[in-house]
Amino acid sequence: MAKVIAEVSIVPIGTGDTGVSAFVAEAIKALEKAAEENGLRYHVCAMGTAIEGELDAVWNAIKGMQEAMFAAGAKRLLTTLRIDDRRDKEETLERKRLAVAEKGAKVEKL
């Protein structure tokens, strides 16, 4: 099965606090476990997480992330998911960034 690259953002709603890092940390711990079990690769960003792997494993990892947030006390989640399912060639997280950088654009400035 071909690999996909997904970008997911899961936001707990109605937690009584504006900070969500504790919920995000639990979701990332669940992703870490799924990554180890299924050979996924991921990159946590400020506003979401990119995940690379086989589609079924990515779906299951995202479900696990949601369940981890519910287990941490979230009552409602808003999940935004984008999936790049390219079948003509294999892509990686690094290759997508490199393709932009090769055209002269800076892909990061911190």
N, C-alpha and C. Protein backbone atom coordinates (compact mmCIF):
# COMPACT_ATOMS: atom_id res chain seq x y z
N MET A 1 0.84 -1.18 0.00
CA MET A 1 0.00 0.00 0.00
C MET A 1 0.89 1.24 0.00
N ALA A 2 0.45 2.25 -0.72
CA ALA A 2 1.22 3.49 -0.82
C ALA A 2 1.17 4.27 0.48
N LYS A 3 2.23 5.01 0.71
CA LYS A 3 2.27 5.88 1.89
C LYS A 3 1.52 7.17 1.58
N VAL A 4 0.96 7.74 2.63
CA VAL A 4 0.30 9.04 2.55
C VAL A 4 1.01 10.00 3.50
N ILE A 5 0.77 11.26 3.28
CA ILE A 5 1.20 12.28 4.23
C ILE A 5 -0.06 12.99 4.68
N ALA A 6 -0.27 13.02 5.98
CA ALA A 6 -1.45 13.65 6.55
C ALA A 6 -1.03 14.79 7.46
N GLU A 7 -1.90 15.77 7.57
CA GLU A 7 -1.70 16.85 8.54
C GLU A 7 -2.96 16.91 9.38
N VAL A 8 -2.80 16.79 10.69
CA VAL A 8 -3.95 16.76 11.58
C VAL A 8 -3.78 17.81 12.67
N SER A 9 -4.90 18.42 13.01
CA SER A 9 -4.98 19.34 14.14
C SER A 9 -6.22 18.94 14.93
N ILE A 10 -6.03 18.64 16.21
CA ILE A 10 -7.15 18.24 17.07
C ILE A 10 -7.23 19.23 18.22
N VAL A 11 -8.36 19.90 18.33
CA VAL A 11 -8.53 20.95 19.33
C VAL A 11 -9.65 20.56 20.30
N PRO A 12 -9.33 20.43 21.58
CA PRO A 12 -10.39 20.17 22.55
C PRO A 12 -11.21 21.44 22.78
N ILE A 13 -12.52 21.27 22.86
CA ILE A 13 -13.43 22.41 23.03
C ILE A 13 -14.13 22.28 24.37
N GLY A 14 -14.29 23.41 25.06
CA GLY A 14 -15.06 23.42 26.30
C GLY A 14 -14.34 22.80 27.47
N THR A 15 -13.04 22.97 27.54
CA THR A 15 -12.27 22.37 28.64
C THR A 15 -12.22 23.26 29.87
N GLY A 16 -12.68 24.51 29.73
CA GLY A 16 -12.63 25.44 30.85
C GLY A 16 -11.30 26.17 30.96
N ASP A 17 -10.41 25.94 30.02
CA ASP A 17 -9.09 26.57 30.04
C ASP A 17 -8.69 26.90 28.61
N THR A 18 -8.00 28.01 28.43
CA THR A 18 -7.55 28.36 27.08
C THR A 18 -6.33 27.57 26.66
N GLY A 19 -5.57 27.03 27.60
CA GLY A 19 -4.40 26.22 27.29
C GLY A 19 -4.81 24.80 26.91
N VAL A 20 -4.20 24.27 25.87
CA VAL A 20 -4.53 22.92 25.43
C VAL A 20 -3.31 22.00 25.36
N SER A 21 -2.16 22.47 25.82
CA SER A 21 -0.92 21.69 25.66
C SER A 21 -0.98 20.35 26.39
N ALA A 22 -1.67 20.26 27.51
CA ALA A 22 -1.76 18.98 28.23
C ALA A 22 -2.52 17.95 27.38
N PHE A 23 -3.57 18.39 26.71
CA PHE A 23 -4.32 17.50 25.83
C PHE A 23 -3.48 17.10 24.62
N VAL A 24 -2.80 18.08 24.04
CA VAL A 24 -1.95 17.81 22.88
C VAL A 24 -0.85 16.82 23.26
N ALA A 25 -0.26 16.98 24.42
CA ALA A 25 0.80 16.07 24.86
C ALA A 25 0.29 14.63 24.93
N GLU A 26 -0.91 14.44 25.43
CA GLU A 26 -1.48 13.09 25.50
C GLU A 26 -1.71 12.52 24.10
N ALA A 27 -2.17 13.37 23.19
CA ALA A 27 -2.38 12.93 21.81
C ALA A 27 -1.06 12.53 21.16
N ILE A 28 -0.01 13.31 21.40
CA ILE A 28 1.29 13.01 20.80
C ILE A 28 1.88 11.73 21.41
N LYS A 29 1.65 11.50 22.69
CA LYS A 29 2.10 10.23 23.30
C LYS A 29 1.42 9.04 22.62
N ALA A 30 0.14 9.18 22.31
CA ALA A 30 -0.57 8.11 21.59
C ALA A 30 -0.01 7.94 20.19
N LEU A 31 0.31 9.05 19.53
CA LEU A 31 0.91 8.98 18.20
C LEU A 31 2.28 8.32 18.25
N GLU A 32 3.06 8.65 19.27
CA GLU A 32 4.38 8.05 19.43
C GLU A 32 4.28 6.53 19.51
N LYS A 33 3.32 6.04 20.28
CA LYS A 33 3.11 4.60 20.41
C LYS A 33 2.70 3.99 19.07
N ALA A 34 1.77 4.65 18.38
CA ALA A 34 1.33 4.15 17.06
C ALA A 34 2.48 4.17 16.06
N ALA A 35 3.31 5.18 16.14
CA ALA A 35 4.45 5.29 15.22
C ALA A 35 5.42 4.13 15.44
N GLU A 36 5.69 3.81 16.69
CA GLU A 36 6.59 2.70 17.00
C GLU A 36 6.02 1.36 16.53
N GLU A 37 4.72 1.19 16.66
CA GLU A 37 4.08 -0.08 16.31
C GLU A 37 3.88 -0.25 14.81
N ASN A 38 3.73 0.86 14.08
CA ASN A 38 3.34 0.80 12.67
C ASN A 38 4.31 1.46 11.70
N GLY A 39 5.47 1.87 12.18
CA GLY A 39 6.45 2.46 11.29
C GLY A 39 6.07 3.83 10.76
N LEU A 40 5.26 4.56 11.50
CA LEU A 40 4.89 5.91 11.07
C LEU A 40 6.01 6.88 11.39
N ARG A 41 6.05 7.96 10.64
CA ARG A 41 6.95 9.07 10.93
C ARG A 41 6.06 10.29 11.16
N TYR A 42 6.49 11.20 12.02
CA TYR A 42 5.66 12.38 12.28
C TYR A 42 6.53 13.57 12.65
N HIS A 43 5.91 14.74 12.51
CA HIS A 43 6.57 16.00 12.85
C HIS A 43 5.53 16.90 13.50
N VAL A 44 5.77 17.26 14.76
CA VAL A 44 4.85 18.14 15.49
C VAL A 44 5.22 19.58 15.18
N CYS A 45 4.23 20.34 14.76
CA CYS A 45 4.39 21.76 14.47
C CYS A 45 3.56 22.57 15.47
N ALA A 46 3.63 23.86 15.38
CA ALA A 46 2.92 24.72 16.33
C ALA A 46 1.39 24.59 16.23
N MET A 47 0.88 24.32 15.03
CA MET A 47 -0.56 24.33 14.82
C MET A 47 -1.13 23.00 14.33
N GLY A 48 -0.30 21.98 14.31
CA GLY A 48 -0.76 20.68 13.84
C GLY A 48 0.40 19.71 13.77
N THR A 49 0.11 18.50 13.32
CA THR A 49 1.11 17.45 13.23
C THR A 49 1.03 16.79 11.87
N ALA A 50 2.19 16.63 11.22
CA ALA A 50 2.28 15.91 9.95
C ALA A 50 2.63 14.46 10.26
N ILE A 51 1.96 13.54 9.58
CA ILE A 51 2.17 12.11 9.79
C ILE A 51 2.39 11.45 8.43
N GLU A 52 3.39 10.58 8.35
CA GLU A 52 3.69 9.85 7.11
C GLU A 52 3.60 8.36 7.38
N GLY A 53 2.89 7.64 6.52
CA GLY A 53 2.79 6.20 6.67
C GLY A 53 1.68 5.63 5.82
N GLU A 54 1.42 4.34 5.99
CA GLU A 54 0.34 3.71 5.26
C GLU A 54 -1.00 4.24 5.77
N LEU A 55 -1.94 4.40 4.84
CA LEU A 55 -3.20 5.07 5.14
C LEU A 55 -3.93 4.48 6.34
N ASP A 56 -4.08 3.18 6.39
CA ASP A 56 -4.81 2.56 7.51
C ASP A 56 -4.13 2.85 8.84
N ALA A 57 -2.80 2.81 8.85
CA ALA A 57 -2.07 3.09 10.08
C ALA A 57 -2.23 4.55 10.50
N VAL A 58 -2.26 5.45 9.52
CA VAL A 58 -2.45 6.88 9.82
C VAL A 58 -3.85 7.10 10.40
N TRP A 59 -4.87 6.51 9.77
CA TRP A 59 -6.24 6.62 10.29
C TRP A 59 -6.31 6.16 11.75
N ASN A 60 -5.73 4.98 11.99
CA ASN A 60 -5.77 4.42 13.35
C ASN A 60 -5.00 5.28 14.34
N ALA A 61 -3.88 5.85 13.91
CA ALA A 61 -3.11 6.73 14.79
C ALA A 61 -3.92 7.96 15.18
N ILE A 62 -4.62 8.54 14.22
CA ILE A 62 -5.43 9.73 14.49
C ILE A 62 -6.59 9.38 15.44
N LYS A 63 -7.19 8.23 15.22
CA LYS A 63 -8.24 7.78 16.15
C LYS A 63 -7.67 7.65 17.55
N GLY A 64 -6.47 7.07 17.67
CA GLY A 64 -5.82 6.94 18.97
C GLY A 64 -5.53 8.28 19.61
N MET A 65 -5.15 9.26 18.79
CA MET A 65 -4.89 10.60 19.30
C MET A 65 -6.17 11.20 19.88
N GLN A 66 -7.27 11.03 19.16
CA GLN A 66 -8.55 11.54 19.66
C GLN A 66 -8.94 10.85 20.96
N GLU A 67 -8.82 9.54 20.99
CA GLU A 67 -9.20 8.80 22.20
C GLU A 67 -8.34 9.21 23.40
N ALA A 68 -7.07 9.52 23.15
CA ALA A 68 -6.19 9.96 24.23
C ALA A 68 -6.67 11.30 24.80
N MET A 69 -7.16 12.18 23.93
CA MET A 69 -7.66 13.47 24.41
C MET A 69 -8.96 13.29 25.21
N PHE A 70 -9.82 12.39 24.73
CA PHE A 70 -11.03 12.11 25.50
C PHE A 70 -10.68 11.51 26.87
N ALA A 71 -9.72 10.61 26.89
CA ALA A 71 -9.30 9.99 28.15
C ALA A 71 -8.70 11.02 29.11
N ALA A 72 -8.14 12.09 28.55
CA ALA A 72 -7.56 13.16 29.37
C ALA A 72 -8.62 14.14 29.87
N GLY A 73 -9.88 13.92 29.48
CA GLY A 73 -10.96 14.75 29.99
C GLY A 73 -11.68 15.63 29.00
N ALA A 74 -11.25 15.63 27.75
CA ALA A 74 -11.96 16.42 26.74
C ALA A 74 -13.35 15.82 26.52
N LYS A 75 -14.33 16.69 26.33
CA LYS A 75 -15.70 16.25 26.09
C LYS A 75 -16.09 16.40 24.62
N ARG A 76 -15.33 17.26 23.92
CA ARG A 76 -15.62 17.53 22.51
C ARG A 76 -14.31 17.89 21.82
N LEU A 77 -14.15 17.40 20.58
CA LEU A 77 -12.94 17.68 19.81
C LEU A 77 -13.31 18.22 18.44
N LEU A 78 -12.53 19.16 17.97
CA LEU A 78 -12.64 19.64 16.60
C LEU A 78 -11.38 19.18 15.88
N THR A 79 -11.55 18.25 14.93
CA THR A 79 -10.42 17.67 14.22
C THR A 79 -10.42 18.14 12.78
N THR A 80 -9.28 18.67 12.35
CA THR A 80 -9.09 19.07 10.96
C THR A 80 -8.02 18.14 10.39
N LEU A 81 -8.35 17.50 9.26
CA LEU A 81 -7.45 16.52 8.67
C LEU A 81 -7.31 16.77 7.18
N ARG A 82 -6.06 16.78 6.72
CA ARG A 82 -5.77 16.84 5.28
C ARG A 82 -4.86 15.67 4.95
N ILE A 83 -5.16 14.98 3.84
CA ILE A 83 -4.37 13.82 3.45
C ILE A 83 -3.90 13.99 2.01
N ASP A 84 -2.60 13.83 1.80
CA ASP A 84 -2.01 13.82 0.47
C ASP A 84 -1.76 12.35 0.13
N ASP A 85 -2.60 11.79 -0.72
CA ASP A 85 -2.52 10.39 -1.12
C ASP A 85 -2.05 10.36 -2.57
N ARG A 86 -0.75 10.36 -2.75
CA ARG A 86 -0.16 10.43 -4.09
C ARG A 86 0.24 9.03 -4.53
N ARG A 87 -0.21 8.63 -5.72
CA ARG A 87 0.02 7.27 -6.20
C ARG A 87 1.04 7.18 -7.32
N ASP A 88 1.45 8.33 -7.90
CA ASP A 88 2.39 8.26 -9.03
C ASP A 88 3.84 8.14 -8.59
N LYS A 89 4.15 8.58 -7.35
CA LYS A 89 5.48 8.41 -6.79
C LYS A 89 5.40 8.52 -5.28
N GLU A 90 6.39 7.95 -4.61
CA GLU A 90 6.40 8.00 -3.15
C GLU A 90 6.93 9.33 -2.68
N GLU A 91 6.23 9.92 -1.74
CA GLU A 91 6.64 11.19 -1.15
C GLU A 91 7.01 10.98 0.31
N THR A 92 7.82 11.88 0.83
CA THR A 92 8.15 11.87 2.25
C THR A 92 7.96 13.29 2.77
N LEU A 93 7.93 13.41 4.07
CA LEU A 93 7.83 14.74 4.68
C LEU A 93 8.99 15.62 4.22
N GLU A 94 10.20 15.06 4.22
CA GLU A 94 11.38 15.85 3.84
C GLU A 94 11.34 16.22 2.37
N ARG A 95 10.93 15.30 1.52
CA ARG A 95 10.93 15.56 0.08
C ARG A 95 9.99 16.69 -0.29
N LYS A 96 8.87 16.78 0.36
CA LYS A 96 7.93 17.87 0.05
C LYS A 96 8.55 19.23 0.38
N ARG A 97 9.25 19.31 1.50
CA ARG A 97 9.92 20.57 1.88
C ARG A 97 11.08 20.87 0.93
N LEU A 98 11.83 19.83 0.61
CA LEU A 98 12.98 19.99 -0.27
C LEU A 98 12.56 20.49 -1.65
N ALA A 99 11.43 20.01 -2.15
CA ALA A 99 10.95 20.43 -3.46
C ALA A 99 10.71 21.94 -3.50
N VAL A 100 10.24 22.50 -2.42
CA VAL A 100 10.01 23.95 -2.35
C VAL A 100 11.35 24.68 -2.20
N ALA A 101 12.21 24.15 -1.35
CA ALA A 101 13.52 24.78 -1.12
C ALA A 101 14.37 24.78 -2.39
N GLU A 102 14.27 23.74 -3.19
CA GLU A 102 15.04 23.66 -4.43
C GLU A 102 14.65 24.75 -5.42
N LYS A 103 13.49 25.32 -5.23
CA LYS A 103 13.03 26.40 -6.11
C LYS A 103 13.36 27.78 -5.54
N GLY A 104 14.23 27.79 -4.52
CA GLY A 104 14.75 29.04 -3.99
C GLY A 104 14.00 29.66 -2.83
N ALA A 105 13.01 28.96 -2.30
CA ALA A 105 12.23 29.51 -1.19
C ALA A 105 12.79 29.00 0.14
N LYS A 106 12.84 29.89 1.12
CA LYS A 106 13.24 29.48 2.46
C LYS A 106 12.05 28.79 3.12
N VAL A 107 12.24 27.59 3.59
CA VAL A 107 11.13 26.84 4.17
C VAL A 107 11.02 27.00 5.67
N GLU A 108 11.95 27.75 6.26
CA GLU A 108 11.87 27.96 7.70
C GLU A 108 12.71 29.19 8.09
N LYS A 109 12.18 29.99 8.99
CA LYS A 109 12.91 31.10 9.58
C LYS A 109 12.41 31.25 11.00
N LEU A 110 13.21 30.82 11.94
CA LEU A 110 12.80 30.89 13.36
C LEU A 110 13.59 31.94 14.09
